[in-house]
C-alpha cells in the first residue's frame, strides 16, 4: 500500500515484458473507498 498523510491506497505495479523498454516500472495508486486513481508513478531506467 501507498501511505500518504495517514491515508492508505491500493497500489498495482506494472512491469513491461519487453525489458528493452526505457520504462522499467509503472505504479498506479487507487483510492480504497472510491476505487478511483490517486497517483501514477513512471520509473525510467
ModelCIF file with pLDDT and N, C-alpha, C, O atoms, coordinates in Angstrom:
data_MODEL
#
_entry.id   MODEL 
#
_entity.id                         1 
_entity.type                       polymer 
_entity.pdbx_number_of_molecules   1 
#
_entity_poly.entity_id                      1 
_entity_poly.type                           'polypeptide(L)' 
_entity_poly.nstd_linkage                   no 
_entity_poly.nstd_monomer                   no 
_entity_poly.pdbx_seq_one_letter_code       
;(UNK)(UNK)(UNK)(UNK)(UNK)(UNK)(UNK)(UNK)(UNK)(UNK)(UNK)(UNK)(UNK)(UNK)(UNK)(UNK)
(UNK)(UNK)(UNK)(UNK)(UNK)(UNK)(UNK)(UNK)(UNK)(UNK)(UNK)(UNK)(UNK)(UNK)(UNK)(UNK)
(UNK)(UNK)(UNK)(UNK)(UNK)(UNK)(UNK)(UNK)(UNK)(UNK)(UNK)(UNK)(UNK)
;
_entity_poly.pdbx_seq_one_letter_code_can   XXXXXXXXXXXXXXXXXXXXXXXXXXXXXXXXXXXXXXXXXXXXX 
_entity_poly.pdbx_strand_id                 A 
#
loop_
_entity_poly_seq.entity_id 
_entity_poly_seq.num 
_entity_poly_seq.mon_id 
_entity_poly_seq.hetero 
1 1  UNK n 
1 2  UNK n 
1 3  UNK n 
1 4  UNK n 
1 5  UNK n 
1 6  UNK n 
1 7  UNK n 
1 8  UNK n 
1 9  UNK n 
1 10 UNK n 
1 11 UNK n 
1 12 UNK n 
1 13 UNK n 
1 14 UNK n 
1 15 UNK n 
1 16 UNK n 
1 17 UNK n 
1 18 UNK n 
1 19 UNK n 
1 20 UNK n 
1 21 UNK n 
1 22 UNK n 
1 23 UNK n 
1 24 UNK n 
1 25 UNK n 
1 26 UNK n 
1 27 UNK n 
1 28 UNK n 
1 29 UNK n 
1 30 UNK n 
1 31 UNK n 
1 32 UNK n 
1 33 UNK n 
1 34 UNK n 
1 35 UNK n 
1 36 UNK n 
1 37 UNK n 
1 38 UNK n 
1 39 UNK n 
1 40 UNK n 
1 41 UNK n 
1 42 UNK n 
1 43 UNK n 
1 44 UNK n 
1 45 UNK n 
#
_struct_asym.id          A 
_struct_asym.entity_id   1 
#
loop_
_ma_qa_metric.id 
_ma_qa_metric.mode 
_ma_qa_metric.name 
_ma_qa_metric.software_group_id 
_ma_qa_metric.type 
1 global pLDDT . pLDDT 
2 local  pLDDT . pLDDT 
#
_ma_qa_metric_global.metric_id      1 
_ma_qa_metric_global.metric_value   93.13 
_ma_qa_metric_global.model_id       1 
_ma_qa_metric_global.ordinal_id     1 
#
loop_
_ma_qa_metric_local.label_asym_id 
_ma_qa_metric_local.label_comp_id 
_ma_qa_metric_local.label_seq_id 
_ma_qa_metric_local.metric_id 
_ma_qa_metric_local.metric_value 
_ma_qa_metric_local.model_id 
_ma_qa_metric_local.ordinal_id 
A UNK 1  2 96.00 1 1  
A UNK 2  2 96.00 1 2  
A UNK 3  2 96.00 1 3  
A UNK 4  2 95.00 1 4  
A UNK 5  2 91.00 1 5  
A UNK 6  2 92.00 1 6  
A UNK 7  2 94.00 1 7  
A UNK 8  2 96.00 1 8  
A UNK 9  2 97.00 1 9  
A UNK 10 2 98.00 1 10 
A UNK 11 2 97.00 1 11 
A UNK 12 2 96.00 1 12 
A UNK 13 2 94.00 1 13 
A UNK 14 2 93.00 1 14 
A UNK 15 2 90.00 1 15 
A UNK 16 2 87.00 1 16 
A UNK 17 2 84.00 1 17 
A UNK 18 2 83.00 1 18 
A UNK 19 2 81.00 1 19 
A UNK 20 2 81.00 1 20 
A UNK 21 2 84.00 1 21 
A UNK 22 2 89.00 1 22 
A UNK 23 2 89.00 1 23 
A UNK 24 2 90.00 1 24 
A UNK 25 2 93.00 1 25 
A UNK 26 2 93.00 1 26 
A UNK 27 2 96.00 1 27 
A UNK 28 2 96.00 1 28 
A UNK 29 2 97.00 1 29 
A UNK 30 2 97.00 1 30 
A UNK 31 2 96.00 1 31 
A UNK 32 2 96.00 1 32 
A UNK 33 2 94.00 1 33 
A UNK 34 2 95.00 1 34 
A UNK 35 2 96.00 1 35 
A UNK 36 2 96.00 1 36 
A UNK 37 2 96.00 1 37 
A UNK 38 2 97.00 1 38 
A UNK 39 2 97.00 1 39 
A UNK 40 2 96.00 1 40 
A UNK 41 2 96.00 1 41 
A UNK 42 2 94.00 1 42 
A UNK 43 2 95.00 1 43 
A UNK 44 2 94.00 1 44 
A UNK 45 2 92.00 1 45 
#
loop_
_atom_site.group_PDB 
_atom_site.id 
_atom_site.type_symbol 
_atom_site.label_atom_id 
_atom_site.label_alt_id 
_atom_site.label_comp_id 
_atom_site.label_asym_id 
_atom_site.label_entity_id 
_atom_site.label_seq_id 
_atom_site.pdbx_PDB_ins_code 
_atom_site.Cartn_x 
_atom_site.Cartn_y 
_atom_site.Cartn_z 
_atom_site.occupancy 
_atom_site.B_iso_or_equiv 
_atom_site.pdbx_formal_charge 
_atom_site.auth_seq_id 
_atom_site.auth_comp_id 
_atom_site.auth_asym_id 
_atom_site.auth_atom_id 
_atom_site.pdbx_PDB_model_num 
ATOM 1   N N  . UNK A 1 1  ? 0.826   -1.202 0.000   1.00 96.00 ? 1  UNK A N  1 
ATOM 2   C CA . UNK A 1 1  ? 0.000   0.000  0.000   1.00 96.00 ? 1  UNK A CA 1 
ATOM 3   C C  . UNK A 1 1  ? 0.864   1.257  0.000   1.00 96.00 ? 1  UNK A C  1 
ATOM 4   O O  . UNK A 1 1  ? 1.957   1.282  0.566   1.00 96.00 ? 1  UNK A O  1 
ATOM 5   N N  . UNK A 1 2  ? 0.347   2.296  -0.648  1.00 96.00 ? 2  UNK A N  1 
ATOM 6   C CA . UNK A 1 2  ? 0.948   3.620  -0.573  1.00 96.00 ? 2  UNK A CA 1 
ATOM 7   C C  . UNK A 1 2  ? 0.297   4.355  0.597   1.00 96.00 ? 2  UNK A C  1 
ATOM 8   O O  . UNK A 1 2  ? -0.930  4.410  0.688   1.00 96.00 ? 2  UNK A O  1 
ATOM 9   N N  . UNK A 1 3  ? 1.103   4.913  1.482   1.00 96.00 ? 3  UNK A N  1 
ATOM 10  C CA . UNK A 1 3  ? 0.572   5.635  2.639   1.00 96.00 ? 3  UNK A CA 1 
ATOM 11  C C  . UNK A 1 3  ? 0.981   7.097  2.551   1.00 96.00 ? 3  UNK A C  1 
ATOM 12  O O  . UNK A 1 3  ? 2.168   7.422  2.503   1.00 96.00 ? 3  UNK A O  1 
ATOM 13  N N  . UNK A 1 4  ? -0.020  7.976  2.532   1.00 95.00 ? 4  UNK A N  1 
ATOM 14  C CA . UNK A 1 4  ? 0.206   9.414  2.467   1.00 95.00 ? 4  UNK A CA 1 
ATOM 15  C C  . UNK A 1 4  ? -0.737  10.132 3.431   1.00 95.00 ? 4  UNK A C  1 
ATOM 16  O O  . UNK A 1 4  ? -1.954  9.957  3.379   1.00 95.00 ? 4  UNK A O  1 
ATOM 17  N N  . UNK A 1 5  ? -0.159  10.927 4.293   1.00 91.00 ? 5  UNK A N  1 
ATOM 18  C CA . UNK A 1 5  ? -0.934  11.750 5.224   1.00 91.00 ? 5  UNK A CA 1 
ATOM 19  C C  . UNK A 1 5  ? -1.983  10.931 5.990   1.00 91.00 ? 5  UNK A C  1 
ATOM 20  O O  . UNK A 1 5  ? -3.115  11.370 6.193   1.00 91.00 ? 5  UNK A O  1 
ATOM 21  N N  . UNK A 1 6  ? -1.575  9.749  6.400   1.00 92.00 ? 6  UNK A N  1 
ATOM 22  C CA . UNK A 1 6  ? -2.451  8.909  7.191   1.00 92.00 ? 6  UNK A CA 1 
ATOM 23  C C  . UNK A 1 6  ? -3.490  8.133  6.400   1.00 92.00 ? 6  UNK A C  1 
ATOM 24  O O  . UNK A 1 6  ? -4.337  7.456  6.982   1.00 92.00 ? 6  UNK A O  1 
ATOM 25  N N  . UNK A 1 7  ? -3.431  8.227  5.077   1.00 94.00 ? 7  UNK A N  1 
ATOM 26  C CA . UNK A 1 7  ? -4.384  7.515  4.213   1.00 94.00 ? 7  UNK A CA 1 
ATOM 27  C C  . UNK A 1 7  ? -3.653  6.426  3.442   1.00 94.00 ? 7  UNK A C  1 
ATOM 28  O O  . UNK A 1 7  ? -2.563  6.650  2.917   1.00 94.00 ? 7  UNK A O  1 
ATOM 29  N N  . UNK A 1 8  ? -4.259  5.246  3.377   1.00 96.00 ? 8  UNK A N  1 
ATOM 30  C CA . UNK A 1 8  ? -3.666  4.103  2.700   1.00 96.00 ? 8  UNK A CA 1 
ATOM 31  C C  . UNK A 1 8  ? -4.347  3.875  1.345   1.00 96.00 ? 8  UNK A C  1 
ATOM 32  O O  . UNK A 1 8  ? -5.574  3.892  1.247   1.00 96.00 ? 8  UNK A O  1 
ATOM 33  N N  . UNK A 1 9  ? -3.538  3.662  0.310   1.00 97.00 ? 9  UNK A N  1 
ATOM 34  C CA . UNK A 1 9  ? -4.038  3.451  -1.046  1.00 97.00 ? 9  UNK A CA 1 
ATOM 35  C C  . UNK A 1 9  ? -3.571  2.103  -1.587  1.00 97.00 ? 9  UNK A C  1 
ATOM 36  O O  . UNK A 1 9  ? -2.424  1.710  -1.376  1.00 97.00 ? 9  UNK A O  1 
ATOM 37  N N  . UNK A 1 10 ? -4.469  1.387  -2.291  1.00 98.00 ? 10 UNK A N  1 
ATOM 38  C CA . UNK A 1 10 ? -4.033  0.208  -3.034  1.00 98.00 ? 10 UNK A CA 1 
ATOM 39  C C  . UNK A 1 10 ? -3.003  0.642  -4.073  1.00 98.00 ? 10 UNK A C  1 
ATOM 40  O O  . UNK A 1 10 ? -3.070  1.756  -4.592  1.00 98.00 ? 10 UNK A O  1 
ATOM 41  N N  . UNK A 1 11 ? -2.061  -0.231 -4.369  1.00 97.00 ? 11 UNK A N  1 
ATOM 42  C CA . UNK A 1 11 ? -1.051  0.096  -5.372  1.00 97.00 ? 11 UNK A CA 1 
ATOM 43  C C  . UNK A 1 11 ? -0.769  -1.128 -6.248  1.00 97.00 ? 11 UNK A C  1 
ATOM 44  O O  . UNK A 1 11 ? -0.438  -2.204 -5.749  1.00 97.00 ? 11 UNK A O  1 
ATOM 45  N N  . UNK A 1 12 ? -0.908  -0.940 -7.562  1.00 96.00 ? 12 UNK A N  1 
ATOM 46  C CA . UNK A 1 12 ? -0.654  -2.015 -8.519  1.00 96.00 ? 12 UNK A CA 1 
ATOM 47  C C  . UNK A 1 12 ? 0.606   -1.686 -9.300  1.00 96.00 ? 12 UNK A C  1 
ATOM 48  O O  . UNK A 1 12 ? 0.761   -0.581 -9.819  1.00 96.00 ? 12 UNK A O  1 
ATOM 49  N N  . UNK A 1 13 ? 1.494   -2.652 -9.374  1.00 94.00 ? 13 UNK A N  1 
ATOM 50  C CA . UNK A 1 13 ? 2.803   -2.494 -10.006 1.00 94.00 ? 13 UNK A CA 1 
ATOM 51  C C  . UNK A 1 13 ? 2.794   -3.154 -11.381 1.00 94.00 ? 13 UNK A C  1 
ATOM 52  O O  . UNK A 1 13 ? 2.516   -4.348 -11.493 1.00 94.00 ? 13 UNK A O  1 
ATOM 53  N N  . UNK A 1 14 ? 3.095   -2.388 -12.427 1.00 93.00 ? 14 UNK A N  1 
ATOM 54  C CA . UNK A 1 14 ? 3.173   -2.904 -13.794 1.00 93.00 ? 14 UNK A CA 1 
ATOM 55  C C  . UNK A 1 14 ? 4.631   -2.923 -14.247 1.00 93.00 ? 14 UNK A C  1 
ATOM 56  O O  . UNK A 1 14 ? 5.355   -1.942 -14.075 1.00 93.00 ? 14 UNK A O  1 
ATOM 57  N N  . UNK A 1 15 ? 5.057   -4.049 -14.829 1.00 90.00 ? 15 UNK A N  1 
ATOM 58  C CA . UNK A 1 15 ? 6.403   -4.133 -15.393 1.00 90.00 ? 15 UNK A CA 1 
ATOM 59  C C  . UNK A 1 15 ? 6.309   -4.645 -16.829 1.00 90.00 ? 15 UNK A C  1 
ATOM 60  O O  . UNK A 1 15 ? 5.671   -5.667 -17.080 1.00 90.00 ? 15 UNK A O  1 
ATOM 61  N N  . UNK A 1 16 ? 6.939   -3.943 -17.772 1.00 87.00 ? 16 UNK A N  1 
ATOM 62  C CA . UNK A 1 16 ? 6.855   -4.362 -19.179 1.00 87.00 ? 16 UNK A CA 1 
ATOM 63  C C  . UNK A 1 16 ? 7.557   -5.696 -19.406 1.00 87.00 ? 16 UNK A C  1 
ATOM 64  O O  . UNK A 1 16 ? 8.631   -5.952 -18.860 1.00 87.00 ? 16 UNK A O  1 
ATOM 65  N N  . UNK A 1 17 ? 6.932   -6.537 -20.218 1.00 84.00 ? 17 UNK A N  1 
ATOM 66  C CA . UNK A 1 17 ? 7.544   -7.814 -20.570 1.00 84.00 ? 17 UNK A CA 1 
ATOM 67  C C  . UNK A 1 17 ? 8.791   -7.613 -21.430 1.00 84.00 ? 17 UNK A C  1 
ATOM 68  O O  . UNK A 1 17 ? 9.731   -8.405 -21.371 1.00 84.00 ? 17 UNK A O  1 
ATOM 69  N N  . UNK A 1 18 ? 8.788   -6.551 -22.225 1.00 83.00 ? 18 UNK A N  1 
ATOM 70  C CA . UNK A 1 18 ? 9.943   -6.205 -23.045 1.00 83.00 ? 18 UNK A CA 1 
ATOM 71  C C  . UNK A 1 18 ? 10.943  -5.451 -22.184 1.00 83.00 ? 18 UNK A C  1 
ATOM 72  O O  . UNK A 1 18 ? 10.736  -4.276 -21.880 1.00 83.00 ? 18 UNK A O  1 
ATOM 73  N N  . UNK A 1 19 ? 11.995  -6.093 -21.799 1.00 81.00 ? 19 UNK A N  1 
ATOM 74  C CA . UNK A 1 19 ? 12.971  -5.488 -20.896 1.00 81.00 ? 19 UNK A CA 1 
ATOM 75  C C  . UNK A 1 19 ? 13.820  -4.414 -21.579 1.00 81.00 ? 19 UNK A C  1 
ATOM 76  O O  . UNK A 1 19 ? 14.630  -3.761 -20.921 1.00 81.00 ? 19 UNK A O  1 
ATOM 77  N N  . UNK A 1 20 ? 13.644  -4.223 -22.888 1.00 81.00 ? 20 UNK A N  1 
ATOM 78  C CA . UNK A 1 20 ? 14.395  -3.196 -23.609 1.00 81.00 ? 20 UNK A CA 1 
ATOM 79  C C  . UNK A 1 20 ? 13.715  -1.835 -23.547 1.00 81.00 ? 20 UNK A C  1 
ATOM 80  O O  . UNK A 1 20 ? 14.262  -0.845 -24.034 1.00 81.00 ? 20 UNK A O  1 
ATOM 81  N N  . UNK A 1 21 ? 12.533  -1.780 -22.957 1.00 84.00 ? 21 UNK A N  1 
ATOM 82  C CA . UNK A 1 21 ? 11.829  -0.502 -22.838 1.00 84.00 ? 21 UNK A CA 1 
ATOM 83  C C  . UNK A 1 21 ? 12.589  0.449  -21.915 1.00 84.00 ? 21 UNK A C  1 
ATOM 84  O O  . UNK A 1 21 ? 13.231  0.022  -20.955 1.00 84.00 ? 21 UNK A O  1 
ATOM 85  N N  . UNK A 1 22 ? 12.505  1.752  -22.223 1.00 89.00 ? 22 UNK A N  1 
ATOM 86  C CA . UNK A 1 22 ? 13.125  2.755  -21.354 1.00 89.00 ? 22 UNK A CA 1 
ATOM 87  C C  . UNK A 1 22 ? 12.417  2.831  -20.006 1.00 89.00 ? 22 UNK A C  1 
ATOM 88  O O  . UNK A 1 22 ? 13.018  3.194  -18.995 1.00 89.00 ? 22 UNK A O  1 
ATOM 89  N N  . UNK A 1 23 ? 11.130  2.483  -20.007 1.00 89.00 ? 23 UNK A N  1 
ATOM 90  C CA . UNK A 1 23 ? 10.362  2.454  -18.763 1.00 89.00 ? 23 UNK A CA 1 
ATOM 91  C C  . UNK A 1 23 ? 10.493  1.059  -18.150 1.00 89.00 ? 23 UNK A C  1 
ATOM 92  O O  . UNK A 1 23 ? 10.226  0.063  -18.822 1.00 89.00 ? 23 UNK A O  1 
ATOM 93  N N  . UNK A 1 24 ? 10.900  0.980  -16.885 1.00 90.00 ? 24 UNK A N  1 
ATOM 94  C CA . UNK A 1 24 ? 11.018  -0.352 -16.286 1.00 90.00 ? 24 UNK A CA 1 
ATOM 95  C C  . UNK A 1 24 ? 9.903   -0.644 -15.292 1.00 90.00 ? 24 UNK A C  1 
ATOM 96  O O  . UNK A 1 24 ? 9.747   -1.784 -14.856 1.00 90.00 ? 24 UNK A O  1 
ATOM 97  N N  . UNK A 1 25 ? 9.108   0.396  -14.920 1.00 93.00 ? 25 UNK A N  1 
ATOM 98  C CA . UNK A 1 25 ? 8.035   0.138  -13.975 1.00 93.00 ? 25 UNK A CA 1 
ATOM 99  C C  . UNK A 1 25 ? 7.038   1.289  -13.977 1.00 93.00 ? 25 UNK A C  1 
ATOM 100 O O  . UNK A 1 25 ? 7.413   2.454  -14.110 1.00 93.00 ? 25 UNK A O  1 
ATOM 101 N N  . UNK A 1 26 ? 5.746   0.940  -13.824 1.00 93.00 ? 26 UNK A N  1 
ATOM 102 C CA . UNK A 1 26 ? 4.687   1.926  -13.626 1.00 93.00 ? 26 UNK A CA 1 
ATOM 103 C C  . UNK A 1 26 ? 3.852   1.462  -12.438 1.00 93.00 ? 26 UNK A C  1 
ATOM 104 O O  . UNK A 1 26 ? 3.464   0.296  -12.366 1.00 93.00 ? 26 UNK A O  1 
ATOM 105 N N  . UNK A 1 27 ? 3.580   2.358  -11.523 1.00 96.00 ? 27 UNK A N  1 
ATOM 106 C CA . UNK A 1 27 ? 2.715   2.044  -10.391 1.00 96.00 ? 27 UNK A CA 1 
ATOM 107 C C  . UNK A 1 27 ? 1.481   2.938  -10.434 1.00 96.00 ? 27 UNK A C  1 
ATOM 108 O O  . UNK A 1 27 ? 1.575   4.133  -10.715 1.00 96.00 ? 27 UNK A O  1 
ATOM 109 N N  . UNK A 1 28 ? 0.329   2.345  -10.155 1.00 96.00 ? 28 UNK A N  1 
ATOM 110 C CA . UNK A 1 28 ? -0.921  3.103  -10.073 1.00 96.00 ? 28 UNK A CA 1 
ATOM 111 C C  . UNK A 1 28 ? -1.492  2.920  -8.677  1.00 96.00 ? 28 UNK A C  1 
ATOM 112 O O  . UNK A 1 28 ? -1.697  1.796  -8.219  1.00 96.00 ? 28 UNK A O  1 
ATOM 113 N N  . UNK A 1 29 ? -1.747  4.043  -8.003  1.00 97.00 ? 29 UNK A N  1 
ATOM 114 C CA . UNK A 1 29 ? -2.316  4.017  -6.658  1.00 97.00 ? 29 UNK A CA 1 
ATOM 115 C C  . UNK A 1 29 ? -3.803  4.349  -6.726  1.00 97.00 ? 29 UNK A C  1 
ATOM 116 O O  . UNK A 1 29 ? -4.200  5.293  -7.407  1.00 97.00 ? 29 UNK A O  1 
ATOM 117 N N  . UNK A 1 30 ? -4.623  3.573  -6.021  1.00 97.00 ? 30 UNK A N  1 
ATOM 118 C CA . UNK A 1 30 ? -6.081  3.698  -6.063  1.00 97.00 ? 30 UNK A CA 1 
ATOM 119 C C  . UNK A 1 30 ? -6.655  4.058  -4.699  1.00 97.00 ? 30 UNK A C  1 
ATOM 120 O O  . UNK A 1 30 ? -6.227  3.534  -3.671  1.00 97.00 ? 30 UNK A O  1 
ATOM 121 N N  . UNK A 1 31 ? -7.621  4.952  -4.708  1.00 96.00 ? 31 UNK A N  1 
ATOM 122 C CA . UNK A 1 31 ? -8.387  5.257  -3.504  1.00 96.00 ? 31 UNK A CA 1 
ATOM 123 C C  . UNK A 1 31 ? -9.173  4.009  -3.102  1.00 96.00 ? 31 UNK A C  1 
ATOM 124 O O  . UNK A 1 31 ? -9.937  3.474  -3.905  1.00 96.00 ? 31 UNK A O  1 
ATOM 125 N N  . UNK A 1 32 ? -8.992  3.547  -1.875  1.00 96.00 ? 32 UNK A N  1 
ATOM 126 C CA . UNK A 1 32 ? -9.622  2.297  -1.451  1.00 96.00 ? 32 UNK A CA 1 
ATOM 127 C C  . UNK A 1 32 ? -11.141 2.407  -1.355  1.00 96.00 ? 32 UNK A C  1 
ATOM 128 O O  . UNK A 1 32 ? -11.845 1.430  -1.611  1.00 96.00 ? 32 UNK A O  1 
ATOM 129 N N  . UNK A 1 33 ? -11.650 3.566  -0.996  1.00 94.00 ? 33 UNK A N  1 
ATOM 130 C CA . UNK A 1 33 ? -13.088 3.736  -0.838  1.00 94.00 ? 33 UNK A CA 1 
ATOM 131 C C  . UNK A 1 33 ? -13.784 3.997  -2.174  1.00 94.00 ? 33 UNK A C  1 
ATOM 132 O O  . UNK A 1 33 ? -14.848 3.438  -2.440  1.00 94.00 ? 33 UNK A O  1 
ATOM 133 N N  . UNK A 1 34 ? -13.189 4.842  -3.011  1.00 95.00 ? 34 UNK A N  1 
ATOM 134 C CA . UNK A 1 34 ? -13.836 5.255  -4.254  1.00 95.00 ? 34 UNK A CA 1 
ATOM 135 C C  . UNK A 1 34 ? -13.437 4.395  -5.457  1.00 95.00 ? 34 UNK A C  1 
ATOM 136 O O  . UNK A 1 34 ? -14.119 4.412  -6.482  1.00 95.00 ? 34 UNK A O  1 
ATOM 137 N N  . UNK A 1 35 ? -12.337 3.644  -5.339  1.00 96.00 ? 35 UNK A N  1 
ATOM 138 C CA . UNK A 1 35 ? -11.800 2.828  -6.444  1.00 96.00 ? 35 UNK A CA 1 
ATOM 139 C C  . UNK A 1 35 ? -11.340 3.677  -7.626  1.00 96.00 ? 35 UNK A C  1 
ATOM 140 O O  . UNK A 1 35 ? -11.270 3.190  -8.755  1.00 96.00 ? 35 UNK A O  1 
ATOM 141 N N  . UNK A 1 36 ? -11.028 4.939  -7.368  1.00 96.00 ? 36 UNK A N  1 
ATOM 142 C CA . UNK A 1 36 ? -10.534 5.832  -8.421  1.00 96.00 ? 36 UNK A CA 1 
ATOM 143 C C  . UNK A 1 36 ? -9.024  5.980  -8.309  1.00 96.00 ? 36 UNK A C  1 
ATOM 144 O O  . UNK A 1 36 ? -8.428  5.654  -7.283  1.00 96.00 ? 36 UNK A O  1 
ATOM 145 N N  . UNK A 1 37 ? -8.413  6.479  -9.385  1.00 96.00 ? 37 UNK A N  1 
ATOM 146 C CA . UNK A 1 37 ? -6.952  6.623  -9.415  1.00 96.00 ? 37 UNK A CA 1 
ATOM 147 C C  . UNK A 1 37 ? -6.526  7.847  -8.619  1.00 96.00 ? 37 UNK A C  1 
ATOM 148 O O  . UNK A 1 37 ? -7.080  8.936  -8.773  1.00 96.00 ? 37 UNK A O  1 
ATOM 149 N N  . UNK A 1 38 ? -5.535  7.645  -7.772  1.00 97.00 ? 38 UNK A N  1 
ATOM 150 C CA . UNK A 1 38 ? -4.980  8.730  -6.957  1.00 97.00 ? 38 UNK A CA 1 
ATOM 151 C C  . UNK A 1 38 ? -3.688  9.273  -7.575  1.00 97.00 ? 38 UNK A C  1 
ATOM 152 O O  . UNK A 1 38 ? -3.550  10.478 -7.789  1.00 97.00 ? 38 UNK A O  1 
ATOM 153 N N  . UNK A 1 39 ? -2.751  8.375  -7.855  1.00 97.00 ? 39 UNK A N  1 
ATOM 154 C CA . UNK A 1 39 ? -1.476  8.782  -8.450  1.00 97.00 ? 39 UNK A CA 1 
ATOM 155 C C  . UNK A 1 39 ? -0.958  7.704  -9.402  1.00 97.00 ? 39 UNK A C  1 
ATOM 156 O O  . UNK A 1 39 ? -1.300  6.527  -9.296  1.00 97.00 ? 39 UNK A O  1 
ATOM 157 N N  . UNK A 1 40 ? -0.119  8.157  -10.336 1.00 96.00 ? 40 UNK A N  1 
ATOM 158 C CA . UNK A 1 40 ? 0.576   7.248  -11.252 1.00 96.00 ? 40 UNK A CA 1 
ATOM 159 C C  . UNK A 1 40 ? 2.061   7.583  -11.179 1.00 96.00 ? 40 UNK A C  1 
ATOM 160 O O  . UNK A 1 40 ? 2.444   8.749  -11.272 1.00 96.00 ? 40 UNK A O  1 
ATOM 161 N N  . UNK A 1 41 ? 2.894   6.565  -11.014 1.00 96.00 ? 41 UNK A N  1 
ATOM 162 C CA . UNK A 1 41 ? 4.344   6.745  -10.935 1.00 96.00 ? 41 UNK A CA 1 
ATOM 163 C C  . UNK A 1 41 ? 4.995   6.022  -12.112 1.00 96.00 ? 41 UNK A C  1 
ATOM 164 O O  . UNK A 1 41 ? 4.747   4.836  -12.329 1.00 96.00 ? 41 UNK A O  1 
ATOM 165 N N  . UNK A 1 42 ? 5.820   6.727  -12.862 1.00 94.00 ? 42 UNK A N  1 
ATOM 166 C CA . UNK A 1 42 ? 6.510   6.148  -14.012 1.00 94.00 ? 42 UNK A CA 1 
ATOM 167 C C  . UNK A 1 42 ? 8.009   6.210  -13.761 1.00 94.00 ? 42 UNK A C  1 
ATOM 168 O O  . UNK A 1 42 ? 8.561   7.289  -13.545 1.00 94.00 ? 42 UNK A O  1 
ATOM 169 N N  . UNK A 1 43 ? 8.667   5.058  -13.788 1.00 95.00 ? 43 UNK A N  1 
ATOM 170 C CA . UNK A 1 43 ? 10.087  4.964  -13.481 1.00 95.00 ? 43 UNK A CA 1 
ATOM 171 C C  . UNK A 1 43 ? 10.889  4.639  -14.745 1.00 95.00 ? 43 UNK A C  1 
ATOM 172 O O  . UNK A 1 43 ? 10.597  3.673  -15.451 1.00 95.00 ? 43 UNK A O  1 
ATOM 173 N N  . UNK A 1 44 ? 11.895  5.456  -15.011 1.00 94.00 ? 44 UNK A N  1 
ATOM 174 C CA . UNK A 1 44 ? 12.776  5.244  -16.159 1.00 94.00 ? 44 UNK A CA 1 
ATOM 175 C C  . UNK A 1 44 ? 14.077  4.571  -15.715 1.00 94.00 ? 44 UNK A C  1 
ATOM 176 O O  . UNK A 1 44 ? 14.512  4.719  -14.573 1.00 94.00 ? 44 UNK A O  1 
ATOM 177 N N  . UNK A 1 45 ? 14.681  3.835  -16.634 1.00 92.00 ? 45 UNK A N  1 
ATOM 178 C CA . UNK A 1 45 ? 15.919  3.137  -16.313 1.00 92.00 ? 45 UNK A CA 1 
ATOM 179 C C  . UNK A 1 45 ? 17.057  4.097  -15.972 1.00 92.00 ? 45 UNK A C  1 
ATOM 180 O O  . UNK A 1 45 ? 18.169  3.657  -15.678 1.00 92.00 ? 45 UNK A O  1 
#
